[in-house]
């Protein structure tokens, strides 16, 4: 085991049940549900609902979600991402005078929020507790208030100008027009009312077919194409995960419209290298991790969009022969260009680099019966579209702003189409049983951080907490940047940084523990049935078990 890093906290170990989330109140909610006889799915829904209240800049009823669930030796997945509205055409936006879909405001709210219907599907199949029981904490925290963390206060301060543009958002999150300080109490009574309706009337009657959808759509503003009919027509769906072998384990991820194919290709490319021989934290390690990412992103950018739009050749892209061919592009002492061409390209579509941002909440749960859940949920940008929809208390996601108005683009806007998604909950099985659940926020960083966690646990023998805390990197384009760069946390030694620059890597330095690298979480299930969880010090998370 390579031991250059000493973790700041020990991993959480438990025997009966465990939950990891990016906020300690959400983890507490999930643990309470587990201890009261709830399944891992019950705990995940309840924790996600609490996150909608305590981390509303990253999660919410107005966003999308994706699940992986391992039950009785089977891995199943839910795609709960909503499509573009029936009126959301390229002509619609061009008639409004836009050359690109705005990132904030009314026009950025154009896709149906899918997360709640994902909750419905998961609970119908794997829930134990009554639906209403799952929202008790969320309702209480929204009605009575929560004391905000330093991290949440910082995000409000960064987005104060955006929030001040709408009275409801300003009233909810600002204090006399100013960002509140950490420890200030924020109440969200309108959101509490929506949660009460959802809890009492259920996800279809209360949310998609009823009063919440009507209030939400009525408060979207003049430029949003969304209507309550779009809500009524939507349903989340069960999908079959993709998978690949890594060192004798099987890694699973969701198919398009997510970037799961990239996460699996990265692991498949790494599987052909002697990763442990590099040593963790060395220039060889970071260089190769970045290079396999570049290669995987080349295929991702060419192929990932709504699955009904392009027939993804997943079997080919994940085959050993293809990955061997792509691995040959990588030189140990020289950097590839930032944008690598795809090895296979779809016909009639112009592959272009996709540089998505986005802030996200990831959580994982394992219960006493071994049911394992890996769940990720988001409203895309911090505070999504940047406003509250009417008296619903709900922030609409701006996920649809990532659509292109170029008809030849792989992610071109079409009514009813689901956009490219960065969201990928990770799951690894061994002999069909859950072995590792893992994930993070962070747009393009998600498959990279997943690879860091997996390689540090599998190849270097780290426990999950050490793997999460170890220095990280992020190759990609941050918001407002002109090109992709390689951000490195400042704990990485100067000599390693210099060597990476010598090899041609576009290095930029970040803080010692920088939350642009994402808030990661992971649970490992040991062969004796004991559970080991870790949460990220870059956020406000906690791993709690019993």
Protein backbone atom coordinates (compact mmCIF):
# COMPACT_ATOMS: atom_id res chain seq x y z
CA UNK A 1 0.00 0.00 0.00
CA UNK A 2 1.34 3.43 -0.97
CA UNK A 3 1.03 5.64 2.12
CA UNK A 4 2.03 9.19 1.10
CA UNK A 5 -1.37 10.41 2.27
CA UNK A 6 -2.72 10.23 5.81
CA UNK A 7 -6.51 10.66 5.89
CA UNK A 8 -8.04 13.38 8.03
CA UNK A 9 -10.72 11.04 9.34
CA UNK A 10 -11.14 7.27 9.58
CA UNK A 11 -13.59 5.34 7.41
CA UNK A 12 -16.98 4.58 8.93
CA UNK A 13 -17.43 0.88 9.63
CA UNK A 14 -20.79 -0.77 10.26
CA UNK A 15 -22.45 -4.18 10.15
CA UNK A 16 -26.16 -3.61 9.54
CA UNK A 17 -26.57 -0.57 7.32
CA UNK A 18 -24.68 2.49 6.09
CA UNK A 19 -25.28 5.68 4.14
CA UNK A 20 -22.93 8.27 2.62
CA UNK A 21 -24.14 11.64 1.36
CA UNK A 22 -22.68 15.13 0.81
CA UNK A 23 -24.53 16.69 3.79
CA UNK A 24 -24.58 15.36 7.34
CA UNK A 25 -28.31 16.09 7.80
CA UNK A 26 -29.16 14.01 4.72
CA UNK A 27 -26.99 11.17 6.00
CA UNK A 28 -28.75 11.43 9.37
CA UNK A 29 -32.13 11.22 7.63
CA UNK A 30 -31.08 8.11 5.73
CA UNK A 31 -29.69 6.43 8.84
CA UNK A 32 -32.93 7.11 10.73
CA UNK A 33 -34.92 5.47 7.93
CA UNK A 34 -32.63 2.42 7.93
CA UNK A 35 -32.89 2.01 11.69
CA UNK A 36 -36.68 2.22 11.46
CA UNK A 37 -36.95 -0.71 9.05
CA UNK A 38 -36.61 1.12 5.76
CA UNK A 39 -34.83 -0.38 2.80
CA UNK A 40 -31.77 1.15 1.14
CA UNK A 41 -34.14 2.61 -1.46
CA UNK A 42 -36.32 4.18 1.24
CA UNK A 43 -33.22 5.69 2.86
CA UNK A 44 -31.90 6.98 -0.47
CA UNK A 45 -35.20 8.73 -1.33
CA UNK A 46 -35.47 10.26 2.14
CA UNK A 47 -31.86 11.46 2.08
CA UNK A 48 -32.29 12.88 -1.43
CA UNK A 49 -35.41 14.74 -0.27
CA UNK A 50 -33.46 16.26 2.61
CA UNK A 51 -30.70 17.28 0.20
CA UNK A 52 -33.35 19.18 -1.80
CA UNK A 53 -33.78 21.36 1.29
CA UNK A 54 -30.31 21.59 2.83
CA UNK A 55 -28.37 21.68 -0.47
CA UNK A 56 -30.89 23.37 -2.80
CA UNK A 57 -28.09 24.78 -4.95
CA UNK A 58 -27.17 21.24 -6.02
CA UNK A 59 -30.28 19.08 -5.62
CA UNK A 60 -33.99 19.65 -5.94
CA UNK A 61 -37.45 18.53 -6.98
CA UNK A 62 -36.83 20.47 -10.19
CA UNK A 63 -33.92 18.25 -11.27
CA UNK A 64 -33.02 14.85 -12.74
CA UNK A 65 -31.65 11.67 -11.20
CA UNK A 66 -30.03 8.34 -12.03
CA UNK A 67 -29.94 5.13 -10.00
CA UNK A 68 -28.04 1.86 -9.90
CA UNK A 69 -29.46 -0.80 -7.59
CA UNK A 70 -27.94 -4.18 -6.80
CA UNK A 71 -30.54 -6.63 -5.50
CA UNK A 72 -30.31 -10.42 -5.24
CA UNK A 73 -27.34 -10.60 -7.58
CA UNK A 74 -28.87 -8.40 -10.27
CA UNK A 75 -27.83 -4.85 -11.21
CA UNK A 76 -30.60 -2.62 -12.48
CA UNK A 77 -30.73 1.08 -13.26
CA UNK A 78 -33.20 3.94 -13.51
CA UNK A 79 -32.92 6.82 -15.95
CA UNK A 80 -34.94 9.64 -14.37
CA UNK A 81 -33.86 12.42 -16.70
CA UNK A 82 -36.59 14.50 -18.29
CA UNK A 83 -36.93 15.35 -21.98
CA UNK A 84 -37.15 18.71 -23.68
CA UNK A 85 -40.62 20.22 -23.76
CA UNK A 86 -42.87 19.54 -26.75
CA UNK A 87 -42.54 23.20 -27.75
CA UNK A 88 -38.74 23.30 -27.30
CA UNK A 89 -37.54 23.51 -30.90
CA UNK A 90 -34.53 25.22 -32.40
CA UNK A 91 -36.92 27.58 -34.20
CA UNK A 92 -38.53 28.47 -30.86
CA UNK A 93 -35.24 29.79 -29.52
CA UNK A 94 -34.20 31.42 -32.75
CA UNK A 95 -37.51 33.30 -32.81
CA UNK A 96 -36.71 34.54 -29.31
CA UNK A 97 -33.47 35.91 -30.75
CA UNK A 98 -31.06 33.40 -29.20
CA UNK A 99 -28.04 31.95 -30.98
CA UNK A 100 -27.48 29.71 -27.95
CA UNK A 101 -29.87 28.58 -25.22
CA UNK A 102 -29.36 30.86 -22.18
CA UNK A 103 -27.71 29.29 -19.15
CA UNK A 104 -29.99 31.05 -16.66
CA UNK A 105 -33.48 32.45 -16.48
CA UNK A 106 -36.84 31.43 -17.94
CA UNK A 107 -35.52 30.23 -21.31
CA UNK A 108 -33.05 27.86 -19.64
CA UNK A 109 -35.89 25.87 -18.02
CA UNK A 110 -36.93 23.61 -20.89
CA UNK A 111 -36.71 20.00 -19.66
CA UNK A 112 -39.11 18.09 -17.42
CA UNK A 113 -37.65 17.38 -13.96
CA UNK A 114 -37.37 13.59 -13.75
CA UNK A 115 -36.01 12.87 -10.26
CA UNK A 116 -39.34 12.44 -8.48
CA UNK A 117 -40.57 9.82 -10.94
CA UNK A 118 -37.31 7.96 -10.41
CA UNK A 119 -38.17 7.90 -6.70
CA UNK A 120 -41.58 6.45 -7.64
CA UNK A 121 -40.11 3.61 -9.70
CA UNK A 122 -37.51 2.68 -7.08
CA UNK A 123 -39.99 2.81 -4.18
CA UNK A 124 -42.60 0.75 -6.03
CA UNK A 125 -40.13 -2.10 -6.49
CA UNK A 126 -37.91 -1.89 -3.42
CA UNK A 127 -39.61 0.33 -0.85
CA UNK A 128 -40.72 -0.93 2.57
CA UNK A 129 -41.92 2.14 4.43
CA UNK A 130 -44.99 4.19 3.45
CA UNK A 131 -44.29 6.90 0.86
CA UNK A 132 -45.21 9.73 3.22
CA UNK A 133 -42.74 8.59 5.89
CA UNK A 134 -39.84 9.35 3.56
CA UNK A 135 -40.45 13.11 3.54
CA UNK A 136 -40.81 13.88 7.23
CA UNK A 137 -37.34 15.39 7.64
CA UNK A 138 -37.48 17.32 4.36
CA UNK A 139 -40.80 18.91 5.37
CA UNK A 140 -39.51 19.78 8.85
CA UNK A 141 -36.26 21.31 7.59
CA UNK A 142 -38.04 23.33 4.91
CA UNK A 143 -40.77 24.55 7.29
CA UNK A 144 -38.70 25.21 10.41
CA UNK A 145 -35.41 26.06 8.73
CA UNK A 146 -31.83 24.86 8.60
CA UNK A 147 -28.60 26.53 9.73
CA UNK A 148 -26.53 26.84 6.57
CA UNK A 149 -22.99 25.50 6.30
CA UNK A 150 -19.90 27.48 5.32
CA UNK A 151 -19.96 25.77 1.93
CA UNK A 152 -23.61 26.63 1.27
CA UNK A 153 -23.03 30.22 2.41
CA UNK A 154 -20.14 30.50 -0.05
CA UNK A 155 -22.28 29.28 -2.93
CA UNK A 156 -25.04 31.76 -2.08
CA UNK A 157 -22.46 34.57 -2.01
CA UNK A 158 -21.11 33.53 -5.42
CA UNK A 159 -24.62 33.46 -6.92
CA UNK A 160 -26.11 36.42 -5.05
CA UNK A 161 -26.29 38.46 -8.26
CA UNK A 162 -28.25 35.71 -9.99
CA UNK A 163 -30.62 35.15 -7.06
CA UNK A 164 -31.27 38.88 -6.63
CA UNK A 165 -32.87 39.07 -10.09
CA UNK A 166 -36.06 37.31 -8.90
CA UNK A 167 -38.00 38.33 -5.82
CA UNK A 168 -38.88 34.79 -4.69
CA UNK A 169 -35.27 33.57 -4.97
CA UNK A 170 -33.98 36.69 -3.22
CA UNK A 171 -36.55 36.39 -0.45
CA UNK A 172 -35.63 32.74 0.11
CA UNK A 173 -31.85 32.81 -0.04
CA UNK A 174 -30.74 36.41 0.60
CA UNK A 175 -31.02 38.61 3.68
CA UNK A 176 -31.96 42.20 2.80
CA UNK A 177 -30.39 41.58 -0.59
CA UNK A 178 -27.13 40.26 0.86
CA UNK A 179 -25.75 36.74 1.15
CA UNK A 180 -26.28 35.29 4.65
CA UNK A 181 -23.38 34.14 6.79
CA UNK A 182 -22.71 30.55 7.81
CA UNK A 183 -24.96 29.53 10.66
CA UNK A 184 -27.84 31.72 9.48
CA UNK A 185 -31.21 29.97 9.41
CA UNK A 186 -33.03 29.70 6.09
CA UNK A 187 -36.66 28.60 5.85
CA UNK A 188 -38.41 27.48 2.66
CA UNK A 189 -42.15 27.40 3.47
CA UNK A 190 -43.27 27.19 -0.16
CA UNK A 191 -41.00 24.19 -0.70
CA UNK A 192 -42.41 22.63 2.48
CA UNK A 193 -45.91 22.98 1.01
CA UNK A 194 -44.81 21.21 -2.18
CA UNK A 195 -43.25 18.40 -0.16
CA UNK A 196 -46.49 18.08 1.85
CA UNK A 197 -48.46 17.73 -1.39
CA UNK A 198 -45.96 15.21 -2.76
CA UNK A 199 -46.04 13.20 0.47
CA UNK A 200 -49.84 13.19 0.77
CA UNK A 201 -50.88 12.76 -2.88
CA UNK A 202 -47.96 10.77 -4.24
CA UNK A 203 -45.57 11.37 -7.15
CA UNK A 204 -48.06 11.14 -10.01
CA UNK A 205 -51.22 12.70 -8.57
CA UNK A 206 -49.36 15.26 -6.52
CA UNK A 207 -46.37 16.15 -8.67
CA UNK A 208 -46.64 15.25 -12.36
CA UNK A 209 -50.42 15.17 -12.88
CA UNK A 210 -51.50 17.67 -10.28
CA UNK A 211 -51.03 20.90 -8.37
CA UNK A 212 -47.25 21.00 -8.18
CA UNK A 213 -46.81 20.76 -11.95
CA UNK A 214 -49.45 23.44 -12.48
CA UNK A 215 -47.88 25.84 -9.98
CA UNK A 216 -44.36 25.10 -11.21
CA UNK A 217 -45.16 25.67 -14.88
CA UNK A 218 -47.20 28.76 -14.09
CA UNK A 219 -44.14 30.30 -12.45
CA UNK A 220 -41.58 29.61 -15.18
CA UNK A 221 -41.88 32.94 -16.97
CA UNK A 222 -42.66 33.91 -20.54
CA UNK A 223 -39.69 32.29 -22.30
CA UNK A 224 -39.87 28.73 -20.96
CA UNK A 225 -41.51 26.23 -23.35
CA UNK A 226 -42.43 23.79 -20.53
CA UNK A 227 -46.08 23.05 -19.83
CA UNK A 228 -48.00 20.89 -17.37
CA UNK A 229 -48.81 18.57 -20.28
CA UNK A 230 -45.08 17.82 -20.61
CA UNK A 231 -45.16 16.76 -16.95
CA UNK A 232 -48.17 14.49 -17.45
CA UNK A 233 -46.57 12.79 -20.45
CA UNK A 234 -43.31 11.97 -18.65
CA UNK A 235 -42.26 8.72 -16.99
CA UNK A 236 -38.85 7.60 -15.76
CA UNK A 237 -37.64 4.23 -17.01
CA UNK A 238 -35.72 1.15 -15.98
CA UNK A 239 -32.65 0.63 -18.19
CA UNK A 240 -29.95 -2.01 -18.50
CA UNK A 241 -26.52 -0.85 -17.29
CA UNK A 242 -23.35 -1.21 -19.35
CA UNK A 243 -20.42 -3.05 -17.77
CA UNK A 244 -16.72 -3.81 -18.11
CA UNK A 245 -14.20 -5.96 -16.23
CA UNK A 246 -11.45 -4.38 -14.13
CA UNK A 247 -8.91 -6.56 -12.32
CA UNK A 248 -11.48 -9.32 -11.78
CA UNK A 249 -14.28 -6.99 -10.70
CA UNK A 250 -17.23 -5.86 -12.82
CA UNK A 251 -17.87 -2.12 -13.09
CA UNK A 252 -21.38 -1.01 -14.08
CA UNK A 253 -22.59 2.35 -15.36
CA UNK A 254 -25.60 3.78 -17.15
CA UNK A 255 -25.91 3.94 -20.94
CA UNK A 256 -26.56 7.21 -22.83
CA UNK A 257 -27.83 9.81 -22.35
CA UNK A 258 -25.21 9.65 -19.54
CA UNK A 259 -21.43 9.66 -19.93
CA UNK A 260 -21.26 6.22 -18.31
CA UNK A 261 -19.54 4.85 -21.42
CA UNK A 262 -16.60 7.19 -20.70
CA UNK A 263 -16.27 6.03 -17.09
CA UNK A 264 -16.15 2.40 -18.22
CA UNK A 265 -13.75 3.08 -21.09
CA UNK A 266 -11.34 4.78 -18.67
CA UNK A 267 -11.31 1.67 -16.48
CA UNK A 268 -11.01 -0.59 -19.54
CA UNK A 269 -8.03 1.41 -20.80
CA UNK A 270 -6.39 1.36 -17.35
CA UNK A 271 -6.89 -2.40 -17.12
CA UNK A 272 -4.23 -2.84 -19.80
CA UNK A 273 -1.61 -0.97 -17.75
CA UNK A 274 0.31 -2.09 -14.66
CA UNK A 275 -1.15 0.76 -12.60
CA UNK A 276 0.32 -0.38 -9.30
CA UNK A 277 3.84 -0.23 -10.82
CA UNK A 278 3.49 3.52 -11.36
CA UNK A 279 2.91 4.22 -7.67
CA UNK A 280 0.08 6.46 -6.56
CA UNK A 281 0.86 10.16 -6.59
CA UNK A 282 3.64 9.86 -9.17
CA UNK A 283 3.92 11.74 -12.46
CA UNK A 284 3.38 8.44 -14.29
CA UNK A 285 0.12 7.88 -12.42
CA UNK A 286 -1.36 11.33 -13.06
CA UNK A 287 -0.11 11.48 -16.66
CA UNK A 288 -1.68 8.17 -17.63
CA UNK A 289 -4.94 8.91 -15.80
CA UNK A 290 -5.27 12.12 -17.81
CA UNK A 291 -4.35 10.47 -21.10
CA UNK A 292 -6.92 7.67 -20.80
CA UNK A 293 -9.49 10.35 -19.98
CA UNK A 294 -8.68 12.25 -23.17
CA UNK A 295 -9.08 9.08 -25.23
CA UNK A 296 -12.37 8.14 -23.58
CA UNK A 297 -13.75 11.67 -23.97
CA UNK A 298 -13.08 11.49 -27.71
CA UNK A 299 -15.61 8.66 -28.04
CA UNK A 300 -17.97 10.19 -25.48
CA UNK A 301 -18.16 13.49 -27.36
CA UNK A 302 -18.95 11.69 -30.61
CA UNK A 303 -21.65 9.36 -29.31
CA UNK A 304 -23.37 10.45 -26.10
CA UNK A 305 -26.82 11.92 -26.51
CA UNK A 306 -30.37 10.59 -26.25
CA UNK A 307 -30.23 6.82 -27.02
CA UNK A 308 -33.14 6.99 -29.47
CA UNK A 309 -31.18 9.52 -31.56
CA UNK A 310 -27.96 7.53 -32.12
CA UNK A 311 -27.44 3.76 -31.95
CA UNK A 312 -24.42 3.55 -29.63
CA UNK A 313 -22.04 0.66 -30.54
CA UNK A 314 -21.42 -0.04 -26.85
CA UNK A 315 -20.19 -3.60 -27.36
CA UNK A 316 -17.56 -2.39 -29.83
CA UNK A 317 -16.51 0.64 -27.76
CA UNK A 318 -16.00 -1.53 -24.66
CA UNK A 319 -14.37 -4.50 -26.42
CA UNK A 320 -10.83 -5.54 -25.53
CA UNK A 321 -9.68 -5.26 -29.13
CA UNK A 322 -10.97 -1.71 -29.52
CA UNK A 323 -9.55 -0.58 -26.17
CA UNK A 324 -6.17 -2.12 -27.05
CA UNK A 325 -6.20 -0.09 -30.25
CA UNK A 326 -7.14 3.13 -28.43
CA UNK A 327 -4.59 2.49 -25.67
CA UNK A 328 -1.83 2.52 -28.29
CA UNK A 329 -2.41 6.26 -28.74
CA UNK A 330 -0.99 6.93 -25.29
CA UNK A 331 2.70 7.81 -24.93
CA UNK A 332 4.24 7.53 -21.45
CA UNK A 333 6.33 10.70 -21.78
CA UNK A 334 4.25 12.90 -24.08
CA UNK A 335 0.79 14.43 -23.81
CA UNK A 336 -1.99 13.97 -26.34
CA UNK A 337 -3.88 16.98 -27.64
CA UNK A 338 -6.73 18.16 -25.41
CA UNK A 339 -9.40 16.96 -27.86
CA UNK A 340 -8.76 13.43 -29.14
CA UNK A 341 -10.74 12.22 -32.15
CA UNK A 342 -13.17 9.37 -31.72
CA UNK A 343 -12.07 5.94 -32.87
CA UNK A 344 -15.50 5.42 -34.45
CA UNK A 345 -17.82 8.23 -35.48
CA UNK A 346 -21.59 8.20 -36.09
CA UNK A 347 -22.70 8.96 -39.63
CA UNK A 348 -24.21 12.33 -40.49
CA UNK A 349 -23.32 13.97 -37.18
CA UNK A 350 -20.52 16.39 -36.43
CA UNK A 351 -18.62 15.25 -33.29
CA UNK A 352 -17.72 18.26 -31.17
CA UNK A 353 -16.11 18.59 -27.73
CA UNK A 354 -18.75 18.61 -25.00
CA UNK A 355 -17.57 20.51 -21.94
CA UNK A 356 -20.41 20.26 -19.43
CA UNK A 357 -20.27 21.86 -16.01
CA UNK A 358 -22.80 21.15 -13.32
CA UNK A 359 -23.13 20.65 -9.61
CA UNK A 360 -24.52 17.46 -8.24
CA UNK A 361 -25.37 15.42 -5.15
CA UNK A 362 -24.23 11.80 -4.94
CA UNK A 363 -25.24 9.33 -2.22
CA UNK A 364 -25.01 5.61 -1.61
CA UNK A 365 -26.75 3.24 0.80
CA UNK A 366 -26.54 -0.42 1.81
CA UNK A 367 -29.15 -1.97 4.12
CA UNK A 368 -29.20 -4.96 6.45
CA UNK A 369 -30.48 -7.26 3.69
CA UNK A 370 -27.66 -6.33 1.34
CA UNK A 371 -29.75 -4.14 -0.98
CA UNK A 372 -27.30 -1.59 -2.40
CA UNK A 373 -28.14 1.80 -3.95
CA UNK A 374 -25.95 4.22 -5.88
CA UNK A 375 -27.88 7.43 -6.63
CA UNK A 376 -27.00 10.78 -8.15
CA UNK A 377 -29.24 13.84 -8.51
CA UNK A 378 -28.78 17.37 -9.82
CA UNK A 379 -30.35 20.62 -10.99
CA UNK A 380 -27.29 21.20 -13.24
CA UNK A 381 -25.69 24.60 -12.46
CA UNK A 382 -25.54 25.81 -8.88
CA UNK A 383 -29.12 27.00 -8.24
CA UNK A 384 -30.14 25.61 -11.65
CA UNK A 385 -31.98 28.18 -13.73
CA UNK A 386 -31.40 30.73 -10.99
CA UNK A 387 -34.98 31.36 -9.89
CA UNK A 388 -37.84 29.81 -7.96
CA UNK A 389 -40.87 28.68 -9.99
CA UNK A 390 -43.87 30.58 -8.64
CA UNK A 391 -45.14 29.54 -5.21
CA UNK A 392 -43.86 25.96 -5.63
CA UNK A 393 -40.61 26.77 -3.84
CA UNK A 394 -38.85 24.64 -6.47
CA UNK A 395 -35.80 25.73 -8.47
CA UNK A 396 -36.08 24.55 -12.12
CA UNK A 397 -33.04 22.78 -13.50
CA UNK A 398 -31.28 24.37 -16.47
CA UNK A 399 -30.04 21.04 -17.82
CA UNK A 400 -31.60 21.78 -21.22
CA UNK A 401 -29.31 24.78 -21.70
CA UNK A 402 -26.64 22.26 -22.69
CA UNK A 403 -28.55 21.43 -25.88
CA UNK A 404 -27.05 22.84 -29.06
CA UNK A 405 -29.05 24.89 -31.60
CA UNK A 406 -26.77 23.50 -34.33
CA UNK A 407 -28.77 20.83 -36.22
CA UNK A 408 -25.59 18.81 -36.99
CA UNK A 409 -24.43 18.63 -33.37
CA UNK A 410 -24.67 15.29 -31.57
CA UNK A 411 -26.63 17.03 -28.78
CA UNK A 412 -28.87 19.13 -31.03
CA UNK A 413 -32.15 20.29 -29.46
CA UNK A 414 -35.29 18.38 -30.44
CA UNK A 415 -38.69 18.27 -28.70
CA UNK A 416 -38.93 15.23 -26.44
CA UNK A 417 -35.19 14.57 -26.59
CA UNK A 418 -33.09 14.04 -23.47
CA UNK A 419 -29.85 15.99 -23.35
CA UNK A 420 -26.32 14.72 -22.68
CA UNK A 421 -25.91 14.05 -18.95
CA UNK A 422 -22.76 13.94 -16.87
CA UNK A 423 -24.55 12.14 -14.01
CA UNK A 424 -23.19 8.63 -13.40
CA UNK A 425 -23.67 6.67 -10.17
CA UNK A 426 -20.93 4.04 -9.94
CA UNK A 427 -21.28 0.40 -8.87
CA UNK A 428 -18.81 -2.49 -8.86
CA UNK A 429 -19.77 -6.09 -8.22
CA UNK A 430 -17.72 -9.17 -7.42
CA UNK A 431 -19.28 -12.50 -8.35
CA UNK A 432 -22.60 -10.70 -8.80
CA UNK A 433 -22.64 -9.17 -5.31
CA UNK A 434 -22.15 -5.47 -4.50
CA UNK A 435 -18.50 -4.67 -3.75
CA UNK A 436 -18.14 -0.90 -4.19
CA UNK A 437 -20.64 1.94 -4.60
CA UNK A 438 -19.07 5.26 -5.55
CA UNK A 439 -19.69 8.61 -7.18
CA UNK A 440 -19.17 12.35 -7.04
CA UNK A 441 -20.41 15.71 -8.20
CA UNK A 442 -18.36 17.51 -10.81
CA UNK A 443 -19.41 17.45 -14.48
CA UNK A 444 -16.45 16.19 -16.52
CA UNK A 445 -14.71 15.28 -13.29
CA UNK A 446 -17.13 12.48 -12.46
CA UNK A 447 -15.55 9.67 -14.53
CA UNK A 448 -12.08 10.88 -13.52
CA UNK A 449 -12.79 10.92 -9.81
CA UNK A 450 -14.47 7.54 -10.12
CA UNK A 451 -11.29 6.20 -11.72
CA UNK A 452 -9.22 7.73 -8.92
CA UNK A 453 -11.33 6.04 -6.25
CA UNK A 454 -11.36 2.65 -8.00
CA UNK A 455 -7.64 2.61 -8.80
CA UNK A 456 -6.65 3.70 -5.31
CA UNK A 457 -8.79 1.00 -3.69
CA UNK A 458 -8.17 -1.83 -6.17
CA UNK A 459 -4.58 -1.13 -7.26
CA UNK A 460 -3.13 0.47 -4.13
CA UNK A 461 -5.18 -1.09 -1.34
CA UNK A 462 -6.53 2.13 0.16
CA UNK A 463 -9.59 2.14 2.37
CA UNK A 464 -12.46 4.20 0.98
CA UNK A 465 -11.80 7.29 3.11
CA UNK A 466 -8.13 7.44 2.13
CA UNK A 467 -9.06 6.99 -1.53
CA UNK A 468 -11.53 9.88 -1.34
CA UNK A 469 -9.18 12.24 0.49
CA UNK A 470 -6.06 11.57 -1.59
CA UNK A 471 -4.97 14.43 -3.92
CA UNK A 472 -7.07 14.68 -7.06
CA UNK A 473 -6.94 16.15 -10.50
CA UNK A 474 -9.49 17.40 -13.02
CA UNK A 475 -8.94 17.47 -16.76
CA UNK A 476 -11.55 19.58 -18.52
CA UNK A 477 -12.87 23.03 -19.15
CA UNK A 478 -14.25 24.95 -16.21
CA UNK A 479 -16.99 27.49 -16.78
CA UNK A 480 -15.77 30.52 -18.69
CA UNK A 481 -12.44 28.95 -19.69
CA UNK A 482 -11.40 28.96 -23.34
CA UNK A 483 -9.87 25.49 -23.39
CA UNK A 484 -9.44 22.32 -21.37
CA UNK A 485 -6.72 22.32 -18.73
CA UNK A 486 -5.41 19.99 -16.04
CA UNK A 487 -6.17 21.23 -12.53
CA UNK A 488 -4.09 19.67 -9.76
CA UNK A 489 -4.67 19.98 -6.03
CA UNK A 490 -1.81 21.85 -4.34
CA UNK A 491 -0.89 18.82 -2.20
CA UNK A 492 0.66 17.22 -5.29
CA UNK A 493 4.46 17.71 -4.98
CA UNK A 494 6.26 20.36 -7.04
CA UNK A 495 8.46 17.78 -8.70
CA UNK A 496 5.44 15.86 -9.98
CA UNK A 497 3.86 19.07 -11.28
CA UNK A 498 7.06 20.05 -13.10
CA UNK A 499 7.34 16.62 -14.72
CA UNK A 500 3.72 16.75 -15.91
CA UNK A 501 4.39 20.16 -17.46
CA UNK A 502 7.49 18.75 -19.16
CA UNK A 503 5.31 16.05 -20.73
CA UNK A 504 3.04 18.73 -22.16
CA UNK A 505 0.15 18.62 -19.70
CA UNK A 506 -1.72 21.98 -19.47
CA UNK A 507 -1.30 22.30 -15.69
CA UNK A 508 -3.14 24.73 -13.44
CA UNK A 509 -2.97 24.56 -9.66
CA UNK A 510 -5.98 24.39 -7.35
CA UNK A 511 -6.40 24.60 -3.57
CA UNK A 512 -5.13 21.81 -1.32
CA UNK A 513 -8.66 20.41 -0.93
CA UNK A 514 -10.63 21.96 -3.77
CA UNK A 515 -14.35 21.28 -4.14
CA UNK A 516 -14.14 21.79 -7.90
CA UNK A 517 -12.77 18.24 -7.77
CA UNK A 518 -16.18 17.11 -6.53
CA UNK A 519 -17.74 15.84 -3.32
CA UNK A 520 -17.12 12.10 -3.54
CA UNK A 521 -18.57 9.28 -1.45
CA UNK A 522 -18.12 5.51 -1.45
CA UNK A 523 -19.19 2.35 0.33
CA UNK A 524 -17.27 -0.91 0.21
CA UNK A 525 -18.97 -4.19 1.09
CA UNK A 526 -16.43 -6.61 2.55
CA UNK A 527 -16.60 -10.38 2.07
CA UNK A 528 -17.53 -10.88 5.74
CA UNK A 529 -20.53 -8.58 5.29
CA UNK A 530 -19.07 -5.59 7.13
CA UNK A 531 -19.56 -2.19 5.53
CA UNK A 532 -16.99 0.56 5.08
CA UNK A 533 -18.00 4.10 4.09
CA UNK A 534 -16.23 7.34 3.31
CA UNK A 535 -17.31 10.95 2.73
CA UNK A 536 -15.44 13.88 1.20
CA UNK A 537 -13.84 16.60 3.33
CA UNK A 538 -14.22 18.89 0.31
CA UNK A 539 -17.94 19.06 1.16
CA UNK A 540 -20.24 18.76 4.16
CA UNK A 541 -20.82 15.04 3.92
CA UNK A 542 -20.85 12.19 6.39
CA UNK A 543 -20.77 8.41 6.26
CA UNK A 544 -23.06 7.05 8.98
CA UNK A 545 -23.83 3.45 9.88
CA UNK A 546 -25.15 1.21 12.63
